[in-house]
Amino acid sequence: YCGVDAVTAPRPGEDELKRGRANSTSKECLPLQLTLGSLLRY
């Protein structure tokens, strides 16, 4: 509505979780792992 080309990442699942864990220490909480995994997958 404000003129920005915005898209939503697909709902996270096992793939995003694996990517998030592989690129962190795996000690971080679930939201961090899933949001990081979503960025990497995109």
All heavy atoms as atom14 arrays in JSON, in Angstrom:
{
  "sequence": "YCGVDAVTAPRPGEDELKRGRANSTSKECLPLQLTLGSLLRY",
  "atom14_mask": [
    [1, 1, 1, 1, 1, 1, 1, 1, 1, 1, 1, 1, 0, 0],
    [1, 1, 1, 1, 1, 1, 0, 0, 0, 0, 0, 0, 0, 0],
    [1, 1, 1, 1, 0, 0, 0, 0, 0, 0, 0, 0, 0, 0],
    [1, 1, 1, 1, 1, 1, 1, 0, 0, 0, 0, 0, 0, 0],
    [1, 1, 1, 1, 1, 1, 1, 1, 0, 0, 0, 0, 0, 0],
    [1, 1, 1, 1, 1, 0, 0, 0, 0, 0, 0, 0, 0, 0],
    [1, 1, 1, 1, 1, 1, 1, 0, 0, 0, 0, 0, 0, 0],
    [1, 1, 1, 1, 1, 1, 1, 0, 0, 0, 0, 0, 0, 0],
    [1, 1, 1, 1, 1, 0, 0, 0, 0, 0, 0, 0, 0, 0],
    [1, 1, 1, 1, 1, 1, 1, 0, 0, 0, 0, 0, 0, 0],
    [1, 1, 1, 1, 1, 1, 1, 1, 1, 1, 1, 0, 0, 0],
    [1, 1, 1, 1, 1, 1, 1, 0, 0, 0, 0, 0, 0, 0],
    [1, 1, 1, 1, 0, 0, 0, 0, 0, 0, 0, 0, 0, 0],
    [1, 1, 1, 1, 1, 1, 1, 1, 1, 0, 0, 0, 0, 0],
    [1, 1, 1, 1, 1, 1, 1, 1, 0, 0, 0, 0, 0, 0],
    [1, 1, 1, 1, 1, 1, 1, 1, 1, 0, 0, 0, 0, 0],
    [1, 1, 1, 1, 1, 1, 1, 1, 0, 0, 0, 0, 0, 0],
    [1, 1, 1, 1, 1, 1, 1, 1, 1, 0, 0, 0, 0, 0],
    [1, 1, 1, 1, 1, 1, 1, 1, 1, 1, 1, 0, 0, 0],
    [1, 1, 1, 1, 0, 0, 0, 0, 0, 0, 0, 0, 0, 0],
    [1, 1, 1, 1, 1, 1, 1, 1, 1, 1, 1, 0, 0, 0],
    [1, 1, 1, 1, 1, 0, 0, 0, 0, 0, 0, 0, 0, 0],
    [1, 1, 1, 1, 1, 1, 1, 1, 0, 0, 0, 0, 0, 0],
    [1, 1, 1, 1, 1, 1, 0, 0, 0, 0, 0, 0, 0, 0],
    [1, 1, 1, 1, 1, 1, 1, 0, 0, 0, 0, 0, 0, 0],
    [1, 1, 1, 1, 1, 1, 0, 0, 0, 0, 0, 0, 0, 0],
    [1, 1, 1, 1, 1, 1, 1, 1, 1, 0, 0, 0, 0, 0],
    [1, 1, 1, 1, 1, 1, 1, 1, 1, 0, 0, 0, 0, 0],
    [1, 1, 1, 1, 1, 1, 0, 0, 0, 0, 0, 0, 0, 0],
    [1, 1, 1, 1, 1, 1, 1, 1, 0, 0, 0, 0, 0, 0],
    [1, 1, 1, 1, 1, 1, 1, 0, 0, 0, 0, 0, 0, 0],
    [1, 1, 1, 1, 1, 1, 1, 1, 0, 0, 0, 0, 0, 0],
    [1, 1, 1, 1, 1, 1, 1, 1, 1, 0, 0, 0, 0, 0],
    [1, 1, 1, 1, 1, 1, 1, 1, 0, 0, 0, 0, 0, 0],
    [1, 1, 1, 1, 1, 1, 1, 0, 0, 0, 0, 0, 0, 0],
    [1, 1, 1, 1, 1, 1, 1, 1, 0, 0, 0, 0, 0, 0],
    [1, 1, 1, 1, 0, 0, 0, 0, 0, 0, 0, 0, 0, 0],
    [1, 1, 1, 1, 1, 1, 0, 0, 0, 0, 0, 0, 0, 0],
    [1, 1, 1, 1, 1, 1, 1, 1, 0, 0, 0, 0, 0, 0],
    [1, 1, 1, 1, 1, 1, 1, 1, 0, 0, 0, 0, 0, 0],
    [1, 1, 1, 1, 1, 1, 1, 1, 1, 1, 1, 0, 0, 0],
    [1, 1, 1, 1, 1, 1, 1, 1, 1, 1, 1, 1, 0, 0]
  ],
  "atom14_positions": [
    [[0.83, -1.21, 0.0], [0.0, 0.0, 0.0], [0.87, 1.26, 0.0], [0.47, 2.3, -0.53], [-0.92, -0.01, 1.22], [-1.85, 1.16, 1.33], [-2.94, 1.28, 0.46], [-1.66, 2.15, 2.29], [-3.81, 2.37, 0.56], [-2.52, 3.24, 2.39], [-3.6, 3.33, 1.52], [-4.46, 4.4, 1.62], [0.0, 0.0, 0.0], [0.0, 0.0, 0.0]],
    [[2.07, 1.13, 0.59], [2.99, 2.27, 0.66], [3.99, 2.29, -0.5], [4.99, 3.01, -0.45], [3.73, 2.25, 1.99], [2.63, 2.42, 3.42], [0.0, 0.0, 0.0], [0.0, 0.0, 0.0], [0.0, 0.0, 0.0], [0.0, 0.0, 0.0], [0.0, 0.0, 0.0], [0.0, 0.0, 0.0], [0.0, 0.0, 0.0], [0.0, 0.0, 0.0]],
    [[3.75, 1.45, -1.51], [4.6, 1.46, -2.7], [5.84, 0.6, -2.64], [6.75, 0.75, -3.46], [0.0, 0.0, 0.0], [0.0, 0.0, 0.0], [0.0, 0.0, 0.0], [0.0, 0.0, 0.0], [0.0, 0.0, 0.0], [0.0, 0.0, 0.0], [0.0, 0.0, 0.0], [0.0, 0.0, 0.0], [0.0, 0.0, 0.0], [0.0, 0.0, 0.0]],
    [[5.9, -0.32, -1.67], [7.06, -1.19, -1.53], [6.73, -2.58, -2.09], [5.66, -3.13, -1.83], [7.47, -1.32, -0.04], [8.67, -2.25, 0.12], [7.76, 0.04, 0.55], [0.0, 0.0, 0.0], [0.0, 0.0, 0.0], [0.0, 0.0, 0.0], [0.0, 0.0, 0.0], [0.0, 0.0, 0.0], [0.0, 0.0, 0.0], [0.0, 0.0, 0.0]],
    [[7.65, -3.14, -2.85], [7.46, -4.48, -3.4], [7.8, -5.49, -2.3], [8.95, -5.9, -2.13], [8.39, -4.68, -4.61], [8.21, -6.06, -5.25], [7.24, -6.76, -4.9], [9.05, -6.43, -6.1], [0.0, 0.0, 0.0], [0.0, 0.0, 0.0], [0.0, 0.0, 0.0], [0.0, 0.0, 0.0], [0.0, 0.0, 0.0], [0.0, 0.0, 0.0]],
    [[6.78, -5.88, -1.55], [6.98, -6.77, -0.4], [6.42, -8.15, -0.68], [5.36, -8.3, -1.28], [6.32, -6.18, 0.84], [0.0, 0.0, 0.0], [0.0, 0.0, 0.0], [0.0, 0.0, 0.0], [0.0, 0.0, 0.0], [0.0, 0.0, 0.0], [0.0, 0.0, 0.0], [0.0, 0.0, 0.0], [0.0, 0.0, 0.0], [0.0, 0.0, 0.0]],
    [[7.15, -9.18, -0.25], [6.69, -10.57, -0.37], [6.88, -11.25, 0.98], [7.69, -10.82, 1.81], [7.45, -11.35, -1.46], [7.17, -10.77, -2.83], [8.95, -11.36, -1.16], [0.0, 0.0, 0.0], [0.0, 0.0, 0.0], [0.0, 0.0, 0.0], [0.0, 0.0, 0.0], [0.0, 0.0, 0.0], [0.0, 0.0, 0.0], [0.0, 0.0, 0.0]],
    [[6.14, -12.33, 1.16], [6.23, -13.09, 2.41], [6.99, -14.38, 2.16], [6.74, -15.07, 1.17], [4.82, -13.44, 2.94], [4.07, -12.24, 3.04], [4.91, -14.1, 4.29], [0.0, 0.0, 0.0], [0.0, 0.0, 0.0], [0.0, 0.0, 0.0], [0.0, 0.0, 0.0], [0.0, 0.0, 0.0], [0.0, 0.0, 0.0], [0.0, 0.0, 0.0]],
    [[7.91, -14.71, 3.04], [8.63, -15.98, 2.93], [7.64, -17.13, 3.15], [6.66, -16.98, 3.9], [9.75, -16.04, 3.97], [0.0, 0.0, 0.0], [0.0, 0.0, 0.0], [0.0, 0.0, 0.0], [0.0, 0.0, 0.0], [0.0, 0.0, 0.0], [0.0, 0.0, 0.0], [0.0, 0.0, 0.0], [0.0, 0.0, 0.0], [0.0, 0.0, 0.0]],
    [[7.85, -18.28, 2.5], [6.96, -19.43, 2.73], [6.96, -19.82, 4.2], [7.91, -19.55, 4.94], [7.6, -20.54, 1.88], [8.45, -19.83, 0.87], [8.92, -18.59, 1.55], [0.0, 0.0, 0.0], [0.0, 0.0, 0.0], [0.0, 0.0, 0.0], [0.0, 0.0, 0.0], [0.0, 0.0, 0.0], [0.0, 0.0, 0.0], [0.0, 0.0, 0.0]],
    [[5.86, -20.44, 4.62], [5.81, -20.89, 6.01], [6.96, -21.85, 6.29], [7.2, -22.76, 5.5], [4.47, -21.57, 6.29], [3.3, -20.6, 6.21], [2.01, -21.23, 6.63], [0.92, -20.27, 6.58], [-0.31, -20.51, 7.0], [-0.62, -21.7, 7.49], [-1.25, -19.58, 6.92], [0.0, 0.0, 0.0], [0.0, 0.0, 0.0], [0.0, 0.0, 0.0]],
    [[7.68, -21.66, 7.39], [8.86, -22.48, 7.65], [8.51, -23.92, 7.98], [7.41, -24.23, 8.43], [9.52, -21.78, 8.84], [8.38, -21.1, 9.54], [7.43, -20.68, 8.46], [0.0, 0.0, 0.0], [0.0, 0.0, 0.0], [0.0, 0.0, 0.0], [0.0, 0.0, 0.0], [0.0, 0.0, 0.0], [0.0, 0.0, 0.0], [0.0, 0.0, 0.0]],
    [[9.5, -24.78, 7.76], [9.35, -26.2, 8.08], [10.71, -26.81, 8.37], [11.65, -26.12, 8.79], [0.0, 0.0, 0.0], [0.0, 0.0, 0.0], [0.0, 0.0, 0.0], [0.0, 0.0, 0.0], [0.0, 0.0, 0.0], [0.0, 0.0, 0.0], [0.0, 0.0, 0.0], [0.0, 0.0, 0.0], [0.0, 0.0, 0.0], [0.0, 0.0, 0.0]],
    [[10.83, -28.08, 8.1], [12.08, -28.8, 8.39], [13.27, -28.22, 7.63], [14.38, -28.14, 8.16], [11.93, -30.28, 8.06], [10.9, -31.02, 8.9], [11.32, -31.16, 10.36], [12.52, -30.97, 10.65], [10.45, -31.44, 11.2], [0.0, 0.0, 0.0], [0.0, 0.0, 0.0], [0.0, 0.0, 0.0], [0.0, 0.0, 0.0], [0.0, 0.0, 0.0]],
    [[13.05, -27.81, 6.39], [14.15, -27.28, 5.57], [14.73, -26.01, 6.19], [15.95, -25.86, 6.33], [13.64, -27.01, 4.15], [14.76, -26.57, 3.23], [15.88, -27.1, 3.36], [14.55, -25.69, 2.38], [0.0, 0.0, 0.0], [0.0, 0.0, 0.0], [0.0, 0.0, 0.0], [0.0, 0.0, 0.0], [0.0, 0.0, 0.0], [0.0, 0.0, 0.0]],
    [[13.84, -25.08, 6.57], [14.3, -23.83, 7.21], [15.0, -24.1, 8.53], [16.01, -23.45, 8.87], [13.12, -22.88, 7.43], [12.6, -22.2, 6.18], [11.72, -23.09, 5.33], [11.43, -24.25, 5.73], [11.32, -22.66, 4.24], [0.0, 0.0, 0.0], [0.0, 0.0, 0.0], [0.0, 0.0, 0.0], [0.0, 0.0, 0.0], [0.0, 0.0, 0.0]],
    [[14.49, -25.07, 9.28], [15.09, -25.41, 10.57], [16.51, -25.94, 10.38], [17.44, -25.55, 11.1], [14.23, -26.45, 11.3], [14.7, -26.89, 12.68], [14.8, -25.71, 13.63], [13.76, -27.96, 13.25], [0.0, 0.0, 0.0], [0.0, 0.0, 0.0], [0.0, 0.0, 0.0], [0.0, 0.0, 0.0], [0.0, 0.0, 0.0], [0.0, 0.0, 0.0]],
    [[16.7, -26.82, 9.39], [18.03, -27.37, 9.12], [19.0, -26.29, 8.68], [20.16, -26.25, 9.11], [17.93, -28.46, 8.05], [17.28, -29.74, 8.53], [17.12, -30.74, 7.41], [16.4, -32.01, 7.88], [16.17, -32.97, 6.77], [0.0, 0.0, 0.0], [0.0, 0.0, 0.0], [0.0, 0.0, 0.0], [0.0, 0.0, 0.0], [0.0, 0.0, 0.0]],
    [[18.55, -25.41, 7.8], [19.42, -24.33, 7.33], [19.79, -23.38, 8.48], [20.95, -22.95, 8.58], [18.7, -23.53, 6.23], [18.54, -24.27, 4.91], [17.65, -23.46, 3.97], [17.29, -24.2, 2.76], [17.91, -24.08, 1.59], [18.93, -23.24, 1.48], [17.52, -24.77, 0.55], [0.0, 0.0, 0.0], [0.0, 0.0, 0.0], [0.0, 0.0, 0.0]],
    [[18.82, -23.06, 9.33], [19.09, -22.17, 10.45], [20.09, -22.77, 11.43], [21.0, -22.08, 11.9], [0.0, 0.0, 0.0], [0.0, 0.0, 0.0], [0.0, 0.0, 0.0], [0.0, 0.0, 0.0], [0.0, 0.0, 0.0], [0.0, 0.0, 0.0], [0.0, 0.0, 0.0], [0.0, 0.0, 0.0], [0.0, 0.0, 0.0], [0.0, 0.0, 0.0]],
    [[19.91, -24.05, 11.73], [20.83, -24.72, 12.65], [22.24, -24.84, 12.07], [23.23, -24.72, 12.78], [20.29, -26.1, 13.02], [19.13, -26.06, 14.01], [18.6, -27.44, 14.29], [17.59, -27.41, 15.36], [16.84, -28.45, 15.7], [16.96, -29.6, 15.04], [15.95, -28.34, 16.68], [0.0, 0.0, 0.0], [0.0, 0.0, 0.0], [0.0, 0.0, 0.0]],
    [[22.31, -25.09, 10.76], [23.61, -25.27, 10.11], [24.41, -23.97, 10.06], [25.64, -24.01, 9.94], [23.41, -25.81, 8.7], [0.0, 0.0, 0.0], [0.0, 0.0, 0.0], [0.0, 0.0, 0.0], [0.0, 0.0, 0.0], [0.0, 0.0, 0.0], [0.0, 0.0, 0.0], [0.0, 0.0, 0.0], [0.0, 0.0, 0.0], [0.0, 0.0, 0.0]],
    [[23.72, -22.84, 10.17], [24.41, -21.55, 10.07], [24.38, -20.77, 11.38], [24.49, -19.54, 11.39], [23.79, -20.72, 8.95], [24.11, -21.28, 7.58], [25.15, -20.97, 7.0], [23.24, -22.13, 7.06], [0.0, 0.0, 0.0], [0.0, 0.0, 0.0], [0.0, 0.0, 0.0], [0.0, 0.0, 0.0], [0.0, 0.0, 0.0], [0.0, 0.0, 0.0]],
    [[24.19, -21.49, 12.47], [24.26, -20.89, 13.81], [24.92, -21.91, 14.73], [25.37, -22.96, 14.27], [22.85, -20.52, 14.31], [22.04, -21.67, 14.39], [0.0, 0.0, 0.0], [0.0, 0.0, 0.0], [0.0, 0.0, 0.0], [0.0, 0.0, 0.0], [0.0, 0.0, 0.0], [0.0, 0.0, 0.0], [0.0, 0.0, 0.0], [0.0, 0.0, 0.0]],
    [[24.97, -21.61, 16.01], [25.61, -22.56, 16.93], [24.67, -23.69, 17.32], [25.07, -24.62, 18.02], [26.05, -21.83, 18.23], [24.88, -21.39, 18.93], [26.94, -20.65, 17.92], [0.0, 0.0, 0.0], [0.0, 0.0, 0.0], [0.0, 0.0, 0.0], [0.0, 0.0, 0.0], [0.0, 0.0, 0.0], [0.0, 0.0, 0.0], [0.0, 0.0, 0.0]],
    [[23.41, -23.58, 16.88], [22.33, -24.53, 17.22], [21.85, -24.38, 18.66], [20.99, -25.12, 19.11], [22.75, -25.99, 16.97], [22.95, -26.22, 15.59], [0.0, 0.0, 0.0], [0.0, 0.0, 0.0], [0.0, 0.0, 0.0], [0.0, 0.0, 0.0], [0.0, 0.0, 0.0], [0.0, 0.0, 0.0], [0.0, 0.0, 0.0], [0.0, 0.0, 0.0]],
    [[22.42, -23.43, 19.39], [21.97, -23.18, 20.76], [20.93, -22.05, 20.8], [20.32, -21.82, 21.82], [23.16, -22.79, 21.64], [24.19, -23.92, 21.8], [25.38, -23.45, 22.64], [26.43, -24.54, 22.77], [27.61, -24.07, 23.54], [0.0, 0.0, 0.0], [0.0, 0.0, 0.0], [0.0, 0.0, 0.0], [0.0, 0.0, 0.0], [0.0, 0.0, 0.0]],
    [[20.78, -21.36, 19.68], [19.8, -20.27, 19.63], [18.39, -20.83, 19.66], [18.14, -22.0, 19.36], [20.0, -19.44, 18.35], [21.32, -18.7, 18.28], [22.46, -19.57, 17.79], [22.21, -20.74, 17.41], [23.61, -19.1, 17.78], [0.0, 0.0, 0.0], [0.0, 0.0, 0.0], [0.0, 0.0, 0.0], [0.0, 0.0, 0.0], [0.0, 0.0, 0.0]],
    [[17.43, -19.97, 20.0], [16.05, -20.44, 20.12], [15.42, -20.64, 18.74], [15.91, -20.15, 17.72], [15.22, -19.49, 20.98], [15.05, -17.84, 20.31], [0.0, 0.0, 0.0], [0.0, 0.0, 0.0], [0.0, 0.0, 0.0], [0.0, 0.0, 0.0], [0.0, 0.0, 0.0], [0.0, 0.0, 0.0], [0.0, 0.0, 0.0], [0.0, 0.0, 0.0]],
    [[14.31, -21.34, 18.74], [13.65, -21.75, 17.5], [13.31, -20.59, 16.57], [13.54, -20.69, 15.35], [12.39, -22.56, 17.85], [11.61, -23.17, 16.68], [12.47, -24.15, 15.9], [10.35, -23.85, 17.19], [0.0, 0.0, 0.0], [0.0, 0.0, 0.0], [0.0, 0.0, 0.0], [0.0, 0.0, 0.0], [0.0, 0.0, 0.0], [0.0, 0.0, 0.0]],
    [[12.74, -19.47, 17.04], [12.43, -18.37, 16.12], [13.64, -17.87, 15.34], [13.54, -17.56, 14.15], [11.87, -17.28, 17.05], [11.31, -18.02, 18.2], [12.24, -19.18, 18.41], [0.0, 0.0, 0.0], [0.0, 0.0, 0.0], [0.0, 0.0, 0.0], [0.0, 0.0, 0.0], [0.0, 0.0, 0.0], [0.0, 0.0, 0.0], [0.0, 0.0, 0.0]],
    [[14.81, -17.79, 16.0], [16.03, -17.36, 15.31], [16.38, -18.35, 14.2], [16.69, -17.97, 13.07], [17.17, -17.2, 16.31], [18.57, -16.78, 15.83], [19.39, -17.9, 15.25], [18.51, -15.6, 14.88], [0.0, 0.0, 0.0], [0.0, 0.0, 0.0], [0.0, 0.0, 0.0], [0.0, 0.0, 0.0], [0.0, 0.0, 0.0], [0.0, 0.0, 0.0]],
    [[16.35, -19.62, 14.52], [16.73, -20.64, 13.54], [15.8, -20.63, 12.33], [16.25, -20.77, 11.19], [16.74, -22.01, 14.2], [17.84, -22.17, 15.25], [17.65, -23.38, 16.13], [16.64, -24.06, 16.05], [18.63, -23.66, 16.99], [0.0, 0.0, 0.0], [0.0, 0.0, 0.0], [0.0, 0.0, 0.0], [0.0, 0.0, 0.0], [0.0, 0.0, 0.0]],
    [[14.5, -20.44, 12.57], [13.54, -20.47, 11.47], [13.6, -19.2, 10.61], [13.51, -19.27, 9.38], [12.12, -20.66, 12.0], [11.84, -22.03, 12.64], [10.41, -22.08, 13.17], [12.05, -23.17, 11.63], [0.0, 0.0, 0.0], [0.0, 0.0, 0.0], [0.0, 0.0, 0.0], [0.0, 0.0, 0.0], [0.0, 0.0, 0.0], [0.0, 0.0, 0.0]],
    [[13.77, -18.03, 11.24], [13.84, -16.79, 10.45], [15.16, -16.73, 9.67], [15.18, -16.25, 8.53], [13.7, -15.55, 11.35], [14.6, -15.65, 12.47], [12.28, -15.43, 11.89], [0.0, 0.0, 0.0], [0.0, 0.0, 0.0], [0.0, 0.0, 0.0], [0.0, 0.0, 0.0], [0.0, 0.0, 0.0], [0.0, 0.0, 0.0], [0.0, 0.0, 0.0]],
    [[16.24, -17.21, 10.27], [17.52, -17.28, 9.56], [17.43, -18.27, 8.41], [17.87, -18.0, 7.29], [18.64, -17.69, 10.53], [20.03, -17.9, 9.92], [20.53, -16.63, 9.25], [21.02, -18.36, 11.0], [0.0, 0.0, 0.0], [0.0, 0.0, 0.0], [0.0, 0.0, 0.0], [0.0, 0.0, 0.0], [0.0, 0.0, 0.0], [0.0, 0.0, 0.0]],
    [[16.83, -19.43, 8.67], [16.67, -20.44, 7.63], [15.81, -19.96, 6.48], [16.06, -20.28, 5.32], [0.0, 0.0, 0.0], [0.0, 0.0, 0.0], [0.0, 0.0, 0.0], [0.0, 0.0, 0.0], [0.0, 0.0, 0.0], [0.0, 0.0, 0.0], [0.0, 0.0, 0.0], [0.0, 0.0, 0.0], [0.0, 0.0, 0.0], [0.0, 0.0, 0.0]],
    [[14.77, -19.15, 6.8], [13.9, -18.61, 5.76], [14.67, -17.68, 4.84], [14.48, -17.69, 3.61], [12.72, -17.86, 6.4], [11.88, -18.74, 7.1], [0.0, 0.0, 0.0], [0.0, 0.0, 0.0], [0.0, 0.0, 0.0], [0.0, 0.0, 0.0], [0.0, 0.0, 0.0], [0.0, 0.0, 0.0], [0.0, 0.0, 0.0], [0.0, 0.0, 0.0]],
    [[15.53, -16.83, 5.4], [16.34, -15.92, 4.6], [17.29, -16.7, 3.69], [17.4, -16.42, 2.49], [17.13, -14.98, 5.5], [18.18, -14.09, 4.82], [17.54, -13.19, 3.77], [18.94, -13.25, 5.85], [0.0, 0.0, 0.0], [0.0, 0.0, 0.0], [0.0, 0.0, 0.0], [0.0, 0.0, 0.0], [0.0, 0.0, 0.0], [0.0, 0.0, 0.0]],
    [[17.97, -17.7, 4.26], [18.94, -18.48, 3.48], [18.26, -19.26, 2.35], [18.79, -19.36, 1.24], [19.69, -19.43, 4.4], [20.62, -18.76, 5.42], [21.13, -19.77, 6.45], [21.8, -18.09, 4.7], [0.0, 0.0, 0.0], [0.0, 0.0, 0.0], [0.0, 0.0, 0.0], [0.0, 0.0, 0.0], [0.0, 0.0, 0.0], [0.0, 0.0, 0.0]],
    [[17.09, -19.8, 2.63], [16.37, -20.54, 1.58], [15.97, -19.62, 0.45], [16.1, -19.96, -0.73], [15.14, -21.22, 2.17], [14.35, -22.0, 1.13], [13.14, -22.7, 1.71], [12.36, -23.33, 0.67], [11.23, -24.0, 0.88], [10.76, -24.13, 2.12], [10.56, -24.54, -0.13], [0.0, 0.0, 0.0], [0.0, 0.0, 0.0], [0.0, 0.0, 0.0]],
    [[15.48, -18.43, 0.8], [15.09, -17.48, -0.24], [16.29, -17.1, -1.11], [16.19, -17.05, -2.34], [14.48, -16.22, 0.38], [14.05, -15.21, -0.65], [12.78, -15.27, -1.22], [14.91, -14.2, -1.07], [12.38, -14.36, -2.19], [14.53, -13.28, -2.05], [13.26, -13.37, -2.6], [12.89, -12.47, -3.57], [0.0, 0.0, 0.0], [0.0, 0.0, 0.0]]
  ]
}
